[in-house]
């Protein structure tokens, strides 16, 4: 069984890699952190161009931070993922995914066979369902997994960046009012309205 303490966070950006590991259950302590700059061209606009070189930098970051364990939780870049909230007609549970697939196909520039996708029902009325759906190209996921695995790390989760940020800001999932979240990066910035 995987213990939470053996996993660490891995952030792969265009300009740097960051790793962080925390411990604790009720109170948390920082066990390790490192930020390693990346030469240009290894990751370009969220796409990994040189997975083998990136793997070497991941190893360096893990060693520098004195990370224990070999399980990573990461995020896929916002610029390469798709998130959509939409309403669909209420159907039987057995067919709701087919309805979501049909609606999702209208909002992404890929065939559904080319992406990994998932969805969750946010709310229901007797006639409609409000659904949050996310998708990302399989090729993108493949390059992230290849680089991380080449570094000797097991990936236990690759989340969509906006969802990861929202969970970090609202760990309990509860928020009040309207919030603007700004993520300032070296090569891009992201604005989330929550």
C-alpha atoms as a PDB file:
ATOM      1  CA  UNK A   1       0.000   0.000   0.000  1.00  0.00           C
ATOM      2  CA  UNK A   2       1.268   3.477  -0.923  1.00  0.00           C
ATOM      3  CA  UNK A   3       1.847   5.759   2.049  1.00  0.00           C
ATOM      4  CA  UNK A   4       1.198   9.450   1.497  1.00  0.00           C
ATOM      5  CA  UNK A   5       4.597  10.297   2.964  1.00  0.00           C
ATOM      6  CA  UNK A   6       6.349   8.468   0.119  1.00  0.00           C
ATOM      7  CA  UNK A   7       4.794  10.648  -2.590  1.00  0.00           C
ATOM      8  CA  UNK A   8       6.023  14.070  -3.652  1.00  0.00           C
ATOM      9  CA  UNK A   9       4.796  16.905  -5.841  1.00  0.00           C
ATOM     10  CA  UNK A  10       6.459  17.442  -9.227  1.00  0.00           C
ATOM     11  CA  UNK A  11       5.922  20.637 -11.227  1.00  0.00           C
ATOM     12  CA  UNK A  12       7.359  20.617 -14.749  1.00  0.00           C
ATOM     13  CA  UNK A  13       7.469  24.039 -16.364  1.00  0.00           C
ATOM     14  CA  UNK A  14       9.093  25.501 -19.449  1.00  0.00           C
ATOM     15  CA  UNK A  15      11.839  27.168 -17.401  1.00  0.00           C
ATOM     16  CA  UNK A  16      12.206  24.999 -14.284  1.00  0.00           C
ATOM     17  CA  UNK A  17      11.319  21.861 -12.373  1.00  0.00           C
ATOM     18  CA  UNK A  18      10.083  22.084  -8.803  1.00  0.00           C
ATOM     19  CA  UNK A  19       9.735  19.184  -6.376  1.00  0.00           C
ATOM     20  CA  UNK A  20       8.274  19.258  -2.895  1.00  0.00           C
ATOM     21  CA  UNK A  21       7.533  16.676  -0.253  1.00  0.00           C
ATOM     22  CA  UNK A  22       5.550  17.229   2.934  1.00  0.00           C
ATOM     23  CA  UNK A  23       4.788  14.970   5.873  1.00  0.00           C
ATOM     24  CA  UNK A  24       2.164  14.878   8.566  1.00  0.00           C
ATOM     25  CA  UNK A  25      -1.533  14.263   8.930  1.00  0.00           C
ATOM     26  CA  UNK A  26      -3.021  17.060  11.028  1.00  0.00           C
ATOM     27  CA  UNK A  27      -0.071  19.412  10.871  1.00  0.00           C
ATOM     28  CA  UNK A  28       2.316  19.448   7.957  1.00  0.00           C
ATOM     29  CA  UNK A  29       6.068  19.826   7.721  1.00  0.00           C
ATOM     30  CA  UNK A  30       8.182  20.491   4.672  1.00  0.00           C
ATOM     31  CA  UNK A  31      10.490  17.501   4.145  1.00  0.00           C
ATOM     32  CA  UNK A  32      12.160  18.663   0.963  1.00  0.00           C
ATOM     33  CA  UNK A  33      11.997  21.287  -1.778  1.00  0.00           C
ATOM     34  CA  UNK A  34      14.097  22.144  -4.809  1.00  0.00           C
ATOM     35  CA  UNK A  35      13.732  24.250  -7.925  1.00  0.00           C
ATOM     36  CA  UNK A  36      16.072  23.416 -10.805  1.00  0.00           C
ATOM     37  CA  UNK A  37      16.258  25.714 -13.859  1.00  0.00           C
ATOM     38  CA  UNK A  38      15.823  24.077 -17.269  1.00  0.00           C
ATOM     39  CA  UNK A  39      17.718  25.066 -20.401  1.00  0.00           C
ATOM     40  CA  UNK A  40      15.406  26.366 -23.108  1.00  0.00           C
ATOM     41  CA  UNK A  41      14.149  23.814 -25.596  1.00  0.00           C
ATOM     42  CA  UNK A  42      13.618  20.870 -23.227  1.00  0.00           C
ATOM     43  CA  UNK A  43      10.017  21.887 -22.458  1.00  0.00           C
ATOM     44  CA  UNK A  44       8.361  24.314 -24.872  1.00  0.00           C
ATOM     45  CA  UNK A  45       4.897  25.709 -24.151  1.00  0.00           C
ATOM     46  CA  UNK A  46       4.112  22.744 -21.927  1.00  0.00           C
ATOM     47  CA  UNK A  47       5.271  20.115 -24.426  1.00  0.00           C
ATOM     48  CA  UNK A  48       8.256  17.972 -23.497  1.00  0.00           C
ATOM     49  CA  UNK A  49      10.632  18.039 -26.462  1.00  0.00           C
ATOM     50  CA  UNK A  50      13.510  16.099 -24.879  1.00  0.00           C
ATOM     51  CA  UNK A  51      12.206  13.523 -22.367  1.00  0.00           C
ATOM     52  CA  UNK A  52      15.602  11.909 -21.670  1.00  0.00           C
ATOM     53  CA  UNK A  53      17.228  15.247 -20.798  1.00  0.00           C
ATOM     54  CA  UNK A  54      14.228  16.204 -18.694  1.00  0.00           C
ATOM     55  CA  UNK A  55      14.553  12.914 -16.792  1.00  0.00           C
ATOM     56  CA  UNK A  56      18.115  13.872 -15.801  1.00  0.00           C
ATOM     57  CA  UNK A  57      16.872  17.204 -14.410  1.00  0.00           C
ATOM     58  CA  UNK A  58      14.081  15.436 -12.507  1.00  0.00           C
ATOM     59  CA  UNK A  59      16.679  13.145 -10.895  1.00  0.00           C
ATOM     60  CA  UNK A  60      18.789  16.168  -9.952  1.00  0.00           C
ATOM     61  CA  UNK A  61      15.794  17.947  -8.397  1.00  0.00           C
ATOM     62  CA  UNK A  62      14.831  14.866  -6.356  1.00  0.00           C
ATOM     63  CA  UNK A  63      18.411  14.414  -5.111  1.00  0.00           C
ATOM     64  CA  UNK A  64      18.812  18.124  -4.315  1.00  0.00           C
ATOM     65  CA  UNK A  65      15.595  18.154  -2.269  1.00  0.00           C
ATOM     66  CA  UNK A  66      16.525  14.915  -0.461  1.00  0.00           C
ATOM     67  CA  UNK A  67      13.175  13.446  -1.483  1.00  0.00           C
ATOM     68  CA  UNK A  68      12.470  10.009  -0.034  1.00  0.00           C
ATOM     69  CA  UNK A  69      10.198   7.728  -2.007  1.00  0.00           C
ATOM     70  CA  UNK A  70       9.750   7.310  -5.709  1.00  0.00           C
ATOM     71  CA  UNK A  71       6.117   8.277  -6.305  1.00  0.00           C
ATOM     72  CA  UNK A  72       5.196  11.559  -7.999  1.00  0.00           C
ATOM     73  CA  UNK A  73       2.013  13.573  -8.246  1.00  0.00           C
ATOM     74  CA  UNK A  74       2.119  16.133 -11.040  1.00  0.00           C
ATOM     75  CA  UNK A  75      -0.009  18.333 -13.245  1.00  0.00           C
ATOM     76  CA  UNK A  76      -0.432  18.661 -16.975  1.00  0.00           C
ATOM     77  CA  UNK A  77      -0.091  22.196 -18.359  1.00  0.00           C
ATOM     78  CA  UNK A  78      -3.230  24.309 -18.549  1.00  0.00           C
ATOM     79  CA  UNK A  79      -2.403  25.371 -22.112  1.00  0.00           C
ATOM     80  CA  UNK A  80      -2.644  21.749 -23.320  1.00  0.00           C
ATOM     81  CA  UNK A  81      -5.727  20.626 -21.398  1.00  0.00           C
ATOM     82  CA  UNK A  82      -9.417  21.297 -21.770  1.00  0.00           C
ATOM     83  CA  UNK A  83     -11.947  21.831 -18.997  1.00  0.00           C
ATOM     84  CA  UNK A  84     -15.592  22.533 -19.593  1.00  0.00           C
ATOM     85  CA  UNK A  85     -18.676  22.852 -17.403  1.00  0.00           C
ATOM     86  CA  UNK A  86     -21.920  22.222 -19.271  1.00  0.00           C
ATOM     87  CA  UNK A  87     -25.485  21.075 -18.756  1.00  0.00           C
ATOM     88  CA  UNK A  88     -26.953  18.026 -20.458  1.00  0.00           C
ATOM     89  CA  UNK A  89     -30.346  16.376 -20.411  1.00  0.00           C
ATOM     90  CA  UNK A  90     -30.846  13.995 -17.509  1.00  0.00           C
ATOM     91  CA  UNK A  91     -30.569  10.360 -18.645  1.00  0.00           C
ATOM     92  CA  UNK A  92     -30.243   6.993 -17.015  1.00  0.00           C
ATOM     93  CA  UNK A  93     -26.940   6.400 -15.276  1.00  0.00           C
ATOM     94  CA  UNK A  94     -25.953   3.846 -17.927  1.00  0.00           C
ATOM     95  CA  UNK A  95     -25.980   6.422 -20.733  1.00  0.00           C
ATOM     96  CA  UNK A  96     -24.805   9.650 -19.078  1.00  0.00           C
ATOM     97  CA  UNK A  97     -21.201   9.098 -20.233  1.00  0.00           C
ATOM     98  CA  UNK A  98     -22.377   8.807 -23.856  1.00  0.00           C
ATOM     99  CA  UNK A  99     -24.205  12.135 -23.495  1.00  0.00           C
ATOM    100  CA  UNK A 100     -21.073  13.720 -21.981  1.00  0.00           C
ATOM    101  CA  UNK A 101     -18.898  12.315 -24.805  1.00  0.00           C
ATOM    102  CA  UNK A 102     -21.218  13.860 -27.392  1.00  0.00           C
ATOM    103  CA  UNK A 103     -21.141  17.252 -25.675  1.00  0.00           C
ATOM    104  CA  UNK A 104     -17.414  17.153 -24.935  1.00  0.00           C
ATOM    105  CA  UNK A 105     -16.592  16.463 -28.593  1.00  0.00           C
ATOM    106  CA  UNK A 106     -18.123  19.857 -29.441  1.00  0.00           C
ATOM    107  CA  UNK A 107     -15.598  21.661 -27.215  1.00  0.00           C
ATOM    108  CA  UNK A 108     -12.210  20.069 -27.939  1.00  0.00           C
ATOM    109  CA  UNK A 109     -10.101  20.161 -31.123  1.00  0.00           C
ATOM    110  CA  UNK A 110      -9.348  16.406 -30.990  1.00  0.00           C
ATOM    111  CA  UNK A 111     -11.254  13.220 -31.617  1.00  0.00           C
ATOM    112  CA  UNK A 112     -12.220  11.544 -28.356  1.00  0.00           C
ATOM    113  CA  UNK A 113     -10.066   8.559 -29.325  1.00  0.00           C
ATOM    114  CA  UNK A 114      -7.025  10.898 -29.173  1.00  0.00           C
ATOM    115  CA  UNK A 115      -7.602  12.130 -25.614  1.00  0.00           C
ATOM    116  CA  UNK A 116      -7.855  10.872 -22.072  1.00  0.00           C
ATOM    117  CA  UNK A 117     -10.964  12.361 -20.523  1.00  0.00           C
ATOM    118  CA  UNK A 118     -13.076  12.145 -17.418  1.00  0.00           C
ATOM    119  CA  UNK A 119     -16.143  13.852 -16.055  1.00  0.00           C
ATOM    120  CA  UNK A 120     -18.035  14.294 -12.825  1.00  0.00           C
ATOM    121  CA  UNK A 121     -21.649  15.286 -12.254  1.00  0.00           C
ATOM    122  CA  UNK A 122     -21.672  18.505 -10.225  1.00  0.00           C
ATOM    123  CA  UNK A 123     -25.436  18.785  -9.750  1.00  0.00           C
ATOM    124  CA  UNK A 124     -28.711  17.314 -10.939  1.00  0.00           C
ATOM    125  CA  UNK A 125     -32.278  18.460 -11.393  1.00  0.00           C
ATOM    126  CA  UNK A 126     -35.111  16.216 -12.544  1.00  0.00           C
ATOM    127  CA  UNK A 127     -34.372  17.210 -16.173  1.00  0.00           C
ATOM    128  CA  UNK A 128     -30.701  18.245 -16.401  1.00  0.00           C
ATOM    129  CA  UNK A 129     -27.228  17.443 -15.101  1.00  0.00           C
ATOM    130  CA  UNK A 130     -24.395  19.942 -14.731  1.00  0.00           C
ATOM    131  CA  UNK A 131     -21.134  18.215 -15.603  1.00  0.00           C
ATOM    132  CA  UNK A 132     -17.454  19.140 -15.229  1.00  0.00           C
ATOM    133  CA  UNK A 133     -15.394  17.419 -17.938  1.00  0.00           C
ATOM    134  CA  UNK A 134     -11.666  17.495 -18.589  1.00  0.00           C
ATOM    135  CA  UNK A 135      -9.578  16.157 -21.462  1.00  0.00           C
ATOM    136  CA  UNK A 136      -5.939  16.079 -22.563  1.00  0.00           C
ATOM    137  CA  UNK A 137      -4.173  14.559 -25.573  1.00  0.00           C
ATOM    138  CA  UNK A 138      -2.863  11.023 -25.037  1.00  0.00           C
ATOM    139  CA  UNK A 139       0.433  12.001 -26.686  1.00  0.00           C
ATOM    140  CA  UNK A 140       1.014  14.731 -24.082  1.00  0.00           C
ATOM    141  CA  UNK A 141       0.351  12.331 -21.209  1.00  0.00           C
ATOM    142  CA  UNK A 142       2.673   9.789 -22.856  1.00  0.00           C
ATOM    143  CA  UNK A 143       5.628  12.192 -22.994  1.00  0.00           C
ATOM    144  CA  UNK A 144       5.158  13.251 -19.356  1.00  0.00           C
ATOM    145  CA  UNK A 145       4.988   9.627 -18.224  1.00  0.00           C
ATOM    146  CA  UNK A 146       8.030   8.692 -20.330  1.00  0.00           C
ATOM    147  CA  UNK A 147      10.185  11.468 -18.853  1.00  0.00           C
ATOM    148  CA  UNK A 148       9.113  10.790 -15.268  1.00  0.00           C
ATOM    149  CA  UNK A 149       9.464   7.009 -15.594  1.00  0.00           C
ATOM    150  CA  UNK A 150      12.909   7.392 -17.204  1.00  0.00           C
ATOM    151  CA  UNK A 151      13.931   9.276 -14.062  1.00  0.00           C
ATOM    152  CA  UNK A 152      13.065   6.170 -12.038  1.00  0.00           C
ATOM    153  CA  UNK A 153       9.914   7.732 -10.600  1.00  0.00           C
ATOM    154  CA  UNK A 154       6.461   6.138 -10.578  1.00  0.00           C
ATOM    155  CA  UNK A 155       3.702   8.557 -11.512  1.00  0.00           C
ATOM    156  CA  UNK A 156       0.643   8.023  -9.347  1.00  0.00           C
ATOM    157  CA  UNK A 157      -1.312  10.979 -10.709  1.00  0.00           C
ATOM    158  CA  UNK A 158      -1.162  13.611 -13.431  1.00  0.00           C
ATOM    159  CA  UNK A 159      -3.923  16.116 -12.785  1.00  0.00           C
ATOM    160  CA  UNK A 160      -5.125  18.961 -14.979  1.00  0.00           C
ATOM    161  CA  UNK A 161      -3.306  22.086 -13.784  1.00  0.00           C
ATOM    162  CA  UNK A 162      -6.384  24.296 -13.166  1.00  0.00           C
ATOM    163  CA  UNK A 163      -8.010  21.563 -11.070  1.00  0.00           C
ATOM    164  CA  UNK A 164      -4.780  21.019  -9.113  1.00  0.00           C
ATOM    165  CA  UNK A 165      -4.539  24.752  -8.392  1.00  0.00           C
ATOM    166  CA  UNK A 166      -8.183  24.906  -7.285  1.00  0.00           C
ATOM    167  CA  UNK A 167      -7.655  21.939  -4.934  1.00  0.00           C
ATOM    168  CA  UNK A 168      -4.546  23.575  -3.488  1.00  0.00           C
ATOM    169  CA  UNK A 169      -6.404  26.836  -2.815  1.00  0.00           C
ATOM    170  CA  UNK A 170      -9.613  25.135  -1.606  1.00  0.00           C
ATOM    171  CA  UNK A 171      -8.488  21.816  -0.058  1.00  0.00           C
ATOM    172  CA  UNK A 172     -11.902  21.165   1.464  1.00  0.00           C
ATOM    173  CA  UNK A 173     -13.676  21.996  -1.787  1.00  0.00           C
ATOM    174  CA  UNK A 174     -15.666  24.736  -0.061  1.00  0.00           C
ATOM    175  CA  UNK A 175     -15.470  28.360  -1.081  1.00  0.00           C
ATOM    176  CA  UNK A 176     -17.564  31.432  -0.529  1.00  0.00           C
ATOM    177  CA  UNK A 177     -18.041  34.197  -3.045  1.00  0.00           C
ATOM    178  CA  UNK A 178     -16.077  34.756  -6.214  1.00  0.00           C
ATOM    179  CA  UNK A 179     -12.304  34.434  -6.305  1.00  0.00           C
ATOM    180  CA  UNK A 180      -9.664  35.283  -8.882  1.00  0.00           C
ATOM    181  CA  UNK A 181      -6.582  33.034  -8.795  1.00  0.00           C
ATOM    182  CA  UNK A 182      -3.488  34.227 -10.660  1.00  0.00           C
ATOM    183  CA  UNK A 183      -0.610  31.813 -11.348  1.00  0.00           C
ATOM    184  CA  UNK A 184       2.444  33.754 -12.516  1.00  0.00           C
ATOM    185  CA  UNK A 185       4.986  31.609 -14.335  1.00  0.00           C
ATOM    186  CA  UNK A 186       8.280  32.278 -16.096  1.00  0.00           C
ATOM    187  CA  UNK A 187       6.840  31.844 -19.600  1.00  0.00           C
ATOM    188  CA  UNK A 188       3.071  32.083 -19.063  1.00  0.00           C
ATOM    189  CA  UNK A 189       0.508  33.218 -16.551  1.00  0.00           C
ATOM    190  CA  UNK A 190      -2.857  31.667 -15.825  1.00  0.00           C
ATOM    191  CA  UNK A 191      -5.966  33.389 -14.481  1.00  0.00           C
ATOM    192  CA  UNK A 192      -8.657  31.219 -12.914  1.00  0.00           C
ATOM    193  CA  UNK A 193     -12.046  32.526 -11.852  1.00  0.00           C
ATOM    194  CA  UNK A 194     -13.496  30.393  -9.077  1.00  0.00           C
END
